[in-house]
Protein backbone atom coordinates (compact mmCIF):
# COMPACT_ATOMS: atom_id res chain seq x y z
CA UNK A 1 119.16 -13.73 -24.49
CA UNK A 2 120.24 -10.25 -23.77
CA UNK A 3 120.89 -9.35 -27.32
CA UNK A 4 117.18 -10.69 -28.03
CA UNK A 5 115.81 -8.10 -25.54
CA UNK A 6 118.00 -5.34 -26.98
CA UNK A 7 116.39 -5.99 -30.42
CA UNK A 8 112.91 -6.22 -29.02
CA UNK A 9 113.34 -2.97 -27.56
CA UNK A 10 114.63 -1.39 -30.70
CA UNK A 11 112.03 -2.73 -32.79
CA UNK A 12 109.32 -1.98 -30.28
CA UNK A 13 110.62 1.59 -30.12
CA UNK A 14 110.57 2.39 -33.85
CA UNK A 15 107.09 1.35 -34.21
CA UNK A 16 105.81 3.05 -31.74
CA UNK A 17 107.73 6.00 -32.88
CA UNK A 18 106.56 5.72 -36.37
CA UNK A 19 102.88 5.10 -35.46
CA UNK A 20 102.55 7.86 -32.57
CA UNK A 21 105.36 10.25 -34.20
CA UNK A 22 105.78 13.00 -31.11
CA UNK A 23 102.56 12.04 -29.31
CA UNK A 24 102.63 12.68 -25.47
CA UNK A 25 101.41 8.96 -24.98
CA UNK A 26 104.09 7.47 -27.27
CA UNK A 27 106.79 6.66 -23.99
CA UNK A 28 103.38 5.49 -22.43
CA UNK A 29 102.64 3.01 -25.25
CA UNK A 30 106.58 2.08 -25.45
CA UNK A 31 107.14 1.03 -21.94
CA UNK A 32 103.42 -1.24 -22.14
CA UNK A 33 104.44 -2.92 -25.03
CA UNK A 34 107.86 -3.52 -23.58
CA UNK A 35 106.31 -4.73 -20.25
CA UNK A 36 104.09 -7.07 -22.15
CA UNK A 37 107.05 -8.43 -24.58
CA UNK A 38 109.50 -9.10 -21.48
CA UNK A 39 106.41 -11.05 -19.79
CA UNK A 40 105.88 -13.20 -22.57
CA UNK A 41 109.92 -13.77 -22.97
CA UNK A 42 110.24 -14.78 -19.24
CA UNK A 43 107.05 -17.17 -19.27
CA UNK A 44 108.22 -18.62 -22.97
CA UNK A 45 111.90 -19.29 -21.43
CA UNK A 46 110.11 -20.78 -18.03
CA UNK A 47 108.36 -23.22 -20.13
CA UNK A 48 111.59 -24.18 -22.32
CA UNK A 49 113.48 -24.71 -19.12
CA UNK A 50 111.09 -27.64 -18.05
């Protein structure tokens, strides 16, 4: 599971850097997208455990 999260972080970071470049908002968008993805993974893993 930790490897999955690490790959997701890397992919999201790459996509945000590619789209926004050196914009001042790149870090904020990265943080928001990462939080949303982690929330979705958490919900999905809880459904699988039940």
